[in-house]
Amino acid sequence: MRPRNPRTPEQQSHRSNLRAVLRRWRTLTPEQRAAWCIATANKYFVTETGRQVRFNGYNFVASLNTRRADLDLAQFDLPPTDGWSDITELYVARHGVPKTGTSIWIRTCQHIDGWTDAPRVTRARVPAAAA
């Protein structure tokens, strides 16, 4: 039988991230908190027991920013709205500038309203620099 609370390093890291995110909520301005609450208007999530529960700003911050902290990403002070991100700096910082003509394969997951979709693979060939 698996222990109910195995206290794995990943679990302890996640709990630490959650505590940090919730402490951060108290540092947000009233305007920032209001923006999170507005972003959750008419949003619900379904619990493990199948019950539908209204999302609130506090839960949204906790859900979204804890997942970002688990991935070593910066925290949002305001809810994201534009639906896309540029990963060029992250890619170059980790792998360096790719050579012309090589192929790049990137696996991504969307994080939307605190939820994560299935990974998708995108590939592209690095073009020659424009003259």
N, C-alpha and C. Protein backbone atom coordinates (compact mmCIF):
# COMPACT_ATOMS: atom_id res chain seq x y z
N MET A 1 0.83 -1.19 0.00
CA MET A 1 0.00 0.00 0.00
C MET A 1 0.88 1.26 0.00
N ARG A 2 0.53 2.22 -0.85
CA ARG A 2 1.28 3.47 -0.95
C ARG A 2 0.95 4.37 0.24
N PRO A 3 1.94 4.97 0.87
CA PRO A 3 1.65 5.86 2.00
C PRO A 3 0.82 7.07 1.55
N ARG A 4 -0.06 7.55 2.43
CA ARG A 4 -0.91 8.70 2.10
C ARG A 4 -0.10 9.97 1.90
N ASN A 5 0.98 10.10 2.62
CA ASN A 5 1.81 11.30 2.55
C ASN A 5 3.27 10.87 2.44
N PRO A 6 3.73 10.52 1.24
CA PRO A 6 5.08 9.97 1.10
C PRO A 6 6.21 10.97 1.32
N ARG A 7 5.90 12.27 1.33
CA ARG A 7 6.92 13.32 1.55
C ARG A 7 8.10 13.20 0.59
N THR A 8 7.79 13.03 -0.68
CA THR A 8 8.84 12.96 -1.70
C THR A 8 9.46 14.34 -1.88
N PRO A 9 10.66 14.42 -2.43
CA PRO A 9 11.27 15.74 -2.69
C PRO A 9 10.38 16.62 -3.57
N GLU A 10 9.74 16.01 -4.58
CA GLU A 10 8.86 16.78 -5.47
C GLU A 10 7.66 17.34 -4.70
N GLN A 11 7.09 16.51 -3.84
CA GLN A 11 5.94 16.94 -3.04
C GLN A 11 6.34 18.07 -2.10
N GLN A 12 7.48 17.94 -1.46
CA GLN A 12 7.93 18.98 -0.53
C GLN A 12 8.24 20.28 -1.26
N SER A 13 8.81 20.18 -2.46
CA SER A 13 9.08 21.36 -3.27
C SER A 13 7.78 22.05 -3.67
N HIS A 14 6.79 21.25 -4.09
CA HIS A 14 5.49 21.80 -4.48
C HIS A 14 4.84 22.51 -3.29
N ARG A 15 4.88 21.91 -2.13
CA ARG A 15 4.29 22.53 -0.93
C ARG A 15 5.00 23.83 -0.58
N SER A 16 6.31 23.85 -0.72
CA SER A 16 7.07 25.07 -0.47
C SER A 16 6.67 26.16 -1.46
N ASN A 17 6.52 25.78 -2.74
CA ASN A 17 6.09 26.75 -3.75
C ASN A 17 4.70 27.29 -3.44
N LEU A 18 3.79 26.42 -3.03
CA LEU A 18 2.43 26.84 -2.69
C LEU A 18 2.46 27.84 -1.54
N ARG A 19 3.24 27.56 -0.50
CA ARG A 19 3.34 28.51 0.63
C ARG A 19 3.86 29.87 0.16
N ALA A 20 4.88 29.86 -0.70
CA ALA A 20 5.45 31.12 -1.20
C ALA A 20 4.42 31.90 -2.03
N VAL A 21 3.67 31.19 -2.86
CA VAL A 21 2.65 31.86 -3.69
C VAL A 21 1.57 32.47 -2.81
N LEU A 22 1.12 31.75 -1.80
CA LEU A 22 0.06 32.26 -0.94
C LEU A 22 0.56 33.44 -0.09
N ARG A 23 1.83 33.42 0.31
CA ARG A 23 2.39 34.59 1.01
C ARG A 23 2.41 35.80 0.07
N ARG A 24 2.70 35.53 -1.20
CA ARG A 24 2.78 36.60 -2.20
C ARG A 24 1.42 37.26 -2.43
N TRP A 25 0.33 36.50 -2.32
CA TRP A 25 -1.01 37.06 -2.48
C TRP A 25 -1.21 38.26 -1.55
N ARG A 26 -0.67 38.16 -0.32
CA ARG A 26 -0.84 39.24 0.66
C ARG A 26 -0.08 40.50 0.27
N THR A 27 0.89 40.39 -0.65
CA THR A 27 1.66 41.56 -1.07
C THR A 27 1.05 42.27 -2.29
N LEU A 28 0.04 41.65 -2.92
CA LEU A 28 -0.58 42.28 -4.09
C LEU A 28 -1.40 43.49 -3.68
N THR A 29 -1.45 44.46 -4.56
CA THR A 29 -2.25 45.66 -4.29
C THR A 29 -3.74 45.32 -4.41
N PRO A 30 -4.62 46.15 -3.84
CA PRO A 30 -6.05 45.91 -4.00
C PRO A 30 -6.47 45.85 -5.47
N GLU A 31 -5.84 46.66 -6.32
CA GLU A 31 -6.17 46.65 -7.75
C GLU A 31 -5.77 45.32 -8.39
N GLN A 32 -4.60 44.80 -8.02
CA GLN A 32 -4.15 43.51 -8.56
C GLN A 32 -5.08 42.38 -8.11
N ARG A 33 -5.46 42.40 -6.83
CA ARG A 33 -6.39 41.37 -6.33
C ARG A 33 -7.73 41.45 -7.06
N ALA A 34 -8.19 42.67 -7.28
CA ALA A 34 -9.48 42.85 -7.98
C ALA A 34 -9.38 42.28 -9.40
N ALA A 35 -8.26 42.48 -10.07
CA ALA A 35 -8.09 41.95 -11.42
C ALA A 35 -8.18 40.43 -11.43
N TRP A 36 -7.58 39.77 -10.43
CA TRP A 36 -7.67 38.31 -10.33
C TRP A 36 -9.12 37.88 -10.09
N CYS A 37 -9.84 38.62 -9.25
CA CYS A 37 -11.24 38.27 -8.97
C CYS A 37 -12.10 38.46 -10.21
N ILE A 38 -11.87 39.52 -10.96
CA ILE A 38 -12.63 39.76 -12.19
C ILE A 38 -12.34 38.65 -13.20
N ALA A 39 -11.08 38.22 -13.29
CA ALA A 39 -10.70 37.18 -14.25
C ALA A 39 -11.39 35.85 -13.95
N THR A 40 -11.85 35.66 -12.72
CA THR A 40 -12.49 34.39 -12.36
C THR A 40 -14.01 34.48 -12.36
N ALA A 41 -14.56 35.62 -12.74
CA ALA A 41 -16.02 35.75 -12.77
C ALA A 41 -16.60 34.67 -13.68
N ASN A 42 -17.59 33.97 -13.20
CA ASN A 42 -18.27 32.90 -13.95
C ASN A 42 -17.36 31.74 -14.32
N LYS A 43 -16.29 31.51 -13.56
CA LYS A 43 -15.42 30.36 -13.81
C LYS A 43 -15.61 29.35 -12.68
N TYR A 44 -15.65 28.09 -13.07
CA TYR A 44 -15.85 27.01 -12.11
C TYR A 44 -14.83 25.91 -12.36
N PHE A 45 -14.60 25.10 -11.34
CA PHE A 45 -13.81 23.89 -11.53
C PHE A 45 -14.58 22.74 -10.89
N VAL A 46 -14.23 21.53 -11.30
CA VAL A 46 -14.91 20.35 -10.79
C VAL A 46 -13.97 19.63 -9.82
N THR A 47 -14.44 19.36 -8.62
CA THR A 47 -13.63 18.68 -7.62
C THR A 47 -13.49 17.20 -7.96
N GLU A 48 -12.63 16.52 -7.22
CA GLU A 48 -12.45 15.07 -7.44
C GLU A 48 -13.73 14.30 -7.20
N THR A 49 -14.63 14.86 -6.39
CA THR A 49 -15.91 14.18 -6.12
C THR A 49 -16.98 14.54 -7.14
N GLY A 50 -16.62 15.39 -8.12
CA GLY A 50 -17.56 15.76 -9.17
C GLY A 50 -18.39 16.99 -8.87
N ARG A 51 -18.13 17.63 -7.76
CA ARG A 51 -18.87 18.84 -7.40
C ARG A 51 -18.32 20.06 -8.14
N GLN A 52 -19.20 20.91 -8.66
CA GLN A 52 -18.78 22.12 -9.36
C GLN A 52 -18.65 23.24 -8.33
N VAL A 53 -17.48 23.89 -8.31
CA VAL A 53 -17.18 24.93 -7.32
C VAL A 53 -16.74 26.19 -8.05
N ARG A 54 -17.24 27.34 -7.58
CA ARG A 54 -16.86 28.63 -8.20
C ARG A 54 -15.41 28.95 -7.86
N PHE A 55 -14.65 29.33 -8.88
CA PHE A 55 -13.27 29.76 -8.73
C PHE A 55 -13.27 31.17 -8.17
N ASN A 56 -12.30 31.52 -7.33
CA ASN A 56 -12.16 32.92 -6.91
C ASN A 56 -10.72 33.37 -7.17
N GLY A 57 -10.47 34.65 -7.01
CA GLY A 57 -9.15 35.21 -7.33
C GLY A 57 -8.02 34.55 -6.56
N TYR A 58 -8.24 34.32 -5.28
CA TYR A 58 -7.23 33.70 -4.42
C TYR A 58 -6.87 32.31 -4.93
N ASN A 59 -7.89 31.50 -5.24
CA ASN A 59 -7.64 30.15 -5.76
C ASN A 59 -6.95 30.19 -7.12
N PHE A 60 -7.33 31.16 -7.95
CA PHE A 60 -6.74 31.29 -9.29
C PHE A 60 -5.25 31.61 -9.18
N VAL A 61 -4.91 32.56 -8.31
CA VAL A 61 -3.50 32.90 -8.09
C VAL A 61 -2.74 31.67 -7.60
N ALA A 62 -3.32 30.97 -6.62
CA ALA A 62 -2.65 29.80 -6.05
C ALA A 62 -2.43 28.73 -7.11
N SER A 63 -3.47 28.44 -7.89
CA SER A 63 -3.39 27.38 -8.89
C SER A 63 -2.39 27.71 -10.00
N LEU A 64 -2.54 28.88 -10.58
CA LEU A 64 -1.71 29.26 -11.72
C LEU A 64 -0.25 29.49 -11.31
N ASN A 65 -0.03 30.28 -10.26
CA ASN A 65 1.34 30.63 -9.90
C ASN A 65 2.09 29.48 -9.23
N THR A 66 1.39 28.57 -8.56
CA THR A 66 2.08 27.40 -8.00
C THR A 66 2.59 26.51 -9.12
N ARG A 67 1.77 26.32 -10.15
CA ARG A 67 2.24 25.53 -11.30
C ARG A 67 3.43 26.22 -11.97
N ARG A 68 3.39 27.55 -12.07
CA ARG A 68 4.52 28.27 -12.67
C ARG A 68 5.77 28.13 -11.79
N ALA A 69 5.60 28.22 -10.48
CA ALA A 69 6.74 28.06 -9.56
C ALA A 69 7.32 26.66 -9.68
N ASP A 70 6.46 25.64 -9.80
CA ASP A 70 6.94 24.26 -9.96
C ASP A 70 7.79 24.12 -11.22
N LEU A 71 7.54 24.96 -12.23
CA LEU A 71 8.29 24.92 -13.49
C LEU A 71 9.42 25.95 -13.53
N ASP A 72 9.69 26.59 -12.38
CA ASP A 72 10.72 27.63 -12.27
C ASP A 72 10.44 28.81 -13.19
N LEU A 73 9.18 29.17 -13.36
CA LEU A 73 8.79 30.32 -14.17
C LEU A 73 8.41 31.48 -13.25
N ALA A 74 8.50 32.69 -13.79
CA ALA A 74 8.16 33.89 -13.03
C ALA A 74 6.67 33.89 -12.67
N GLN A 75 6.36 34.55 -11.57
CA GLN A 75 4.98 34.63 -11.10
C GLN A 75 4.24 35.78 -11.79
N PHE A 76 2.94 35.63 -11.92
CA PHE A 76 2.09 36.68 -12.47
C PHE A 76 1.55 37.52 -11.33
N ASP A 77 1.69 38.86 -11.43
CA ASP A 77 1.02 39.77 -10.49
C ASP A 77 -0.39 40.06 -10.97
N LEU A 78 -0.60 39.97 -12.27
CA LEU A 78 -1.92 40.16 -12.87
C LEU A 78 -2.26 38.92 -13.68
N PRO A 79 -3.53 38.60 -13.82
CA PRO A 79 -3.88 37.41 -14.60
C PRO A 79 -3.47 37.58 -16.05
N PRO A 80 -2.96 36.50 -16.67
CA PRO A 80 -2.56 36.58 -18.08
C PRO A 80 -3.79 36.72 -18.97
N THR A 81 -3.64 37.47 -20.07
CA THR A 81 -4.81 37.70 -20.94
C THR A 81 -4.53 37.48 -22.41
N ASP A 82 -3.28 37.51 -22.83
CA ASP A 82 -3.05 37.49 -24.28
C ASP A 82 -2.93 36.09 -24.88
N GLY A 83 -2.77 35.04 -24.08
CA GLY A 83 -2.83 33.68 -24.58
C GLY A 83 -1.62 33.17 -25.35
N TRP A 84 -0.49 33.86 -25.36
CA TRP A 84 0.69 33.34 -26.04
C TRP A 84 1.93 33.81 -25.30
N SER A 85 3.05 33.14 -25.54
CA SER A 85 4.30 33.56 -24.92
C SER A 85 5.45 33.31 -25.88
N ASP A 86 6.45 34.16 -25.78
CA ASP A 86 7.65 34.06 -26.60
C ASP A 86 8.70 33.34 -25.76
N ILE A 87 9.16 32.18 -26.22
CA ILE A 87 10.12 31.39 -25.44
C ILE A 87 11.55 31.51 -25.97
N THR A 88 11.79 32.47 -26.86
CA THR A 88 13.11 32.60 -27.48
C THR A 88 14.21 32.75 -26.44
N GLU A 89 14.04 33.67 -25.49
CA GLU A 89 15.07 33.89 -24.47
C GLU A 89 15.32 32.65 -23.64
N LEU A 90 14.26 31.96 -23.25
CA LEU A 90 14.39 30.74 -22.46
C LEU A 90 15.16 29.68 -23.24
N TYR A 91 14.82 29.53 -24.53
CA TYR A 91 15.48 28.52 -25.37
C TYR A 91 16.97 28.83 -25.53
N VAL A 92 17.29 30.08 -25.86
CA VAL A 92 18.68 30.47 -26.09
C VAL A 92 19.49 30.36 -24.79
N ALA A 93 18.88 30.72 -23.66
CA ALA A 93 19.59 30.62 -22.38
C ALA A 93 19.96 29.17 -22.06
N ARG A 94 19.09 28.24 -22.42
CA ARG A 94 19.35 26.84 -22.10
C ARG A 94 20.19 26.13 -23.15
N HIS A 95 19.92 26.41 -24.44
CA HIS A 95 20.54 25.63 -25.51
C HIS A 95 21.49 26.43 -26.40
N GLY A 96 21.53 27.74 -26.25
CA GLY A 96 22.36 28.57 -27.12
C GLY A 96 21.63 28.89 -28.41
N VAL A 97 22.25 29.75 -29.21
CA VAL A 97 21.65 30.14 -30.49
C VAL A 97 21.78 28.98 -31.47
N PRO A 98 20.68 28.53 -32.06
CA PRO A 98 20.76 27.40 -32.99
C PRO A 98 21.44 27.79 -34.29
N LYS A 99 22.08 26.81 -34.93
CA LYS A 99 22.77 27.06 -36.20
C LYS A 99 21.78 27.06 -37.36
N THR A 100 22.08 27.88 -38.35
CA THR A 100 21.27 27.94 -39.57
C THR A 100 21.16 26.56 -40.20
N GLY A 101 19.93 26.21 -40.61
CA GLY A 101 19.70 24.95 -41.29
C GLY A 101 19.40 23.77 -40.37
N THR A 102 19.62 23.94 -39.06
CA THR A 102 19.31 22.84 -38.15
C THR A 102 17.82 22.86 -37.82
N SER A 103 17.33 21.73 -37.35
CA SER A 103 15.93 21.64 -36.93
C SER A 103 15.83 21.74 -35.42
N ILE A 104 14.78 22.38 -34.97
CA ILE A 104 14.50 22.50 -33.55
C ILE A 104 13.17 21.80 -33.28
N TRP A 105 13.16 20.99 -32.24
CA TRP A 105 11.94 20.31 -31.81
C TRP A 105 11.64 20.84 -30.41
N ILE A 106 10.43 21.31 -30.21
CA ILE A 106 10.05 21.86 -28.91
C ILE A 106 8.75 21.21 -28.46
N ARG A 107 8.74 20.73 -27.23
CA ARG A 107 7.51 20.17 -26.66
C ARG A 107 6.95 21.19 -25.68
N THR A 108 5.71 21.57 -25.86
CA THR A 108 5.07 22.59 -25.03
C THR A 108 3.78 22.06 -24.42
N CYS A 109 3.39 22.70 -23.32
CA CYS A 109 2.09 22.46 -22.69
C CYS A 109 1.48 23.83 -22.43
N GLN A 110 0.21 23.98 -22.71
CA GLN A 110 -0.48 25.21 -22.38
C GLN A 110 -0.90 25.17 -20.92
N HIS A 111 -0.77 26.31 -20.27
CA HIS A 111 -1.26 26.47 -18.90
C HIS A 111 -2.32 27.56 -18.98
N ILE A 112 -3.57 27.16 -18.93
CA ILE A 112 -4.68 28.09 -19.09
C ILE A 112 -5.56 28.04 -17.85
N ASP A 113 -5.74 29.19 -17.22
CA ASP A 113 -6.60 29.29 -16.04
C ASP A 113 -6.24 28.23 -15.00
N GLY A 114 -4.95 27.97 -14.86
CA GLY A 114 -4.51 27.02 -13.86
C GLY A 114 -4.54 25.56 -14.29
N TRP A 115 -4.95 25.27 -15.51
CA TRP A 115 -5.03 23.90 -16.01
C TRP A 115 -3.98 23.68 -17.08
N THR A 116 -3.53 22.45 -17.23
CA THR A 116 -2.48 22.12 -18.19
C THR A 116 -3.02 21.11 -19.20
N ASP A 117 -2.75 21.38 -20.50
CA ASP A 117 -3.19 20.42 -21.52
C ASP A 117 -2.09 19.41 -21.81
N ALA A 118 -2.36 18.50 -22.74
CA ALA A 118 -1.37 17.48 -23.13
C ALA A 118 -0.23 18.14 -23.90
N PRO A 119 0.99 17.61 -23.75
CA PRO A 119 2.13 18.18 -24.48
C PRO A 119 1.94 18.07 -25.99
N ARG A 120 2.47 19.08 -26.69
CA ARG A 120 2.46 19.08 -28.15
C ARG A 120 3.88 19.34 -28.64
N VAL A 121 4.23 18.68 -29.73
CA VAL A 121 5.56 18.85 -30.30
C VAL A 121 5.47 19.74 -31.53
N THR A 122 6.33 20.74 -31.59
CA THR A 122 6.43 21.64 -32.72
C THR A 122 7.86 21.57 -33.23
N ARG A 123 8.02 21.60 -34.55
CA ARG A 123 9.38 21.60 -35.09
C ARG A 123 9.49 22.66 -36.17
N ALA A 124 10.71 23.14 -36.33
CA ALA A 124 10.97 24.14 -37.36
C ALA A 124 12.44 24.07 -37.76
N ARG A 125 12.73 24.48 -38.97
CA ARG A 125 14.11 24.56 -39.44
C ARG A 125 14.56 26.01 -39.27
N VAL A 126 15.77 26.21 -38.77
CA VAL A 126 16.28 27.55 -38.54
C VAL A 126 16.65 28.15 -39.88
N PRO A 127 16.02 29.29 -40.25
CA PRO A 127 16.31 29.91 -41.55
C PRO A 127 17.62 30.67 -41.54
N ALA A 128 18.13 30.96 -42.72
CA ALA A 128 19.31 31.81 -42.85
C ALA A 128 18.92 33.22 -42.44
N ALA A 129 19.88 33.97 -41.91
CA ALA A 129 19.61 35.34 -41.51
C ALA A 129 19.23 36.18 -42.71
N ALA A 130 18.28 37.07 -42.51
CA ALA A 130 17.84 37.96 -43.62
C ALA A 130 18.98 38.90 -43.99
N ALA A 131 19.15 39.12 -45.30
CA ALA A 131 20.25 39.97 -45.78
C ALA A 131 19.87 41.44 -45.72
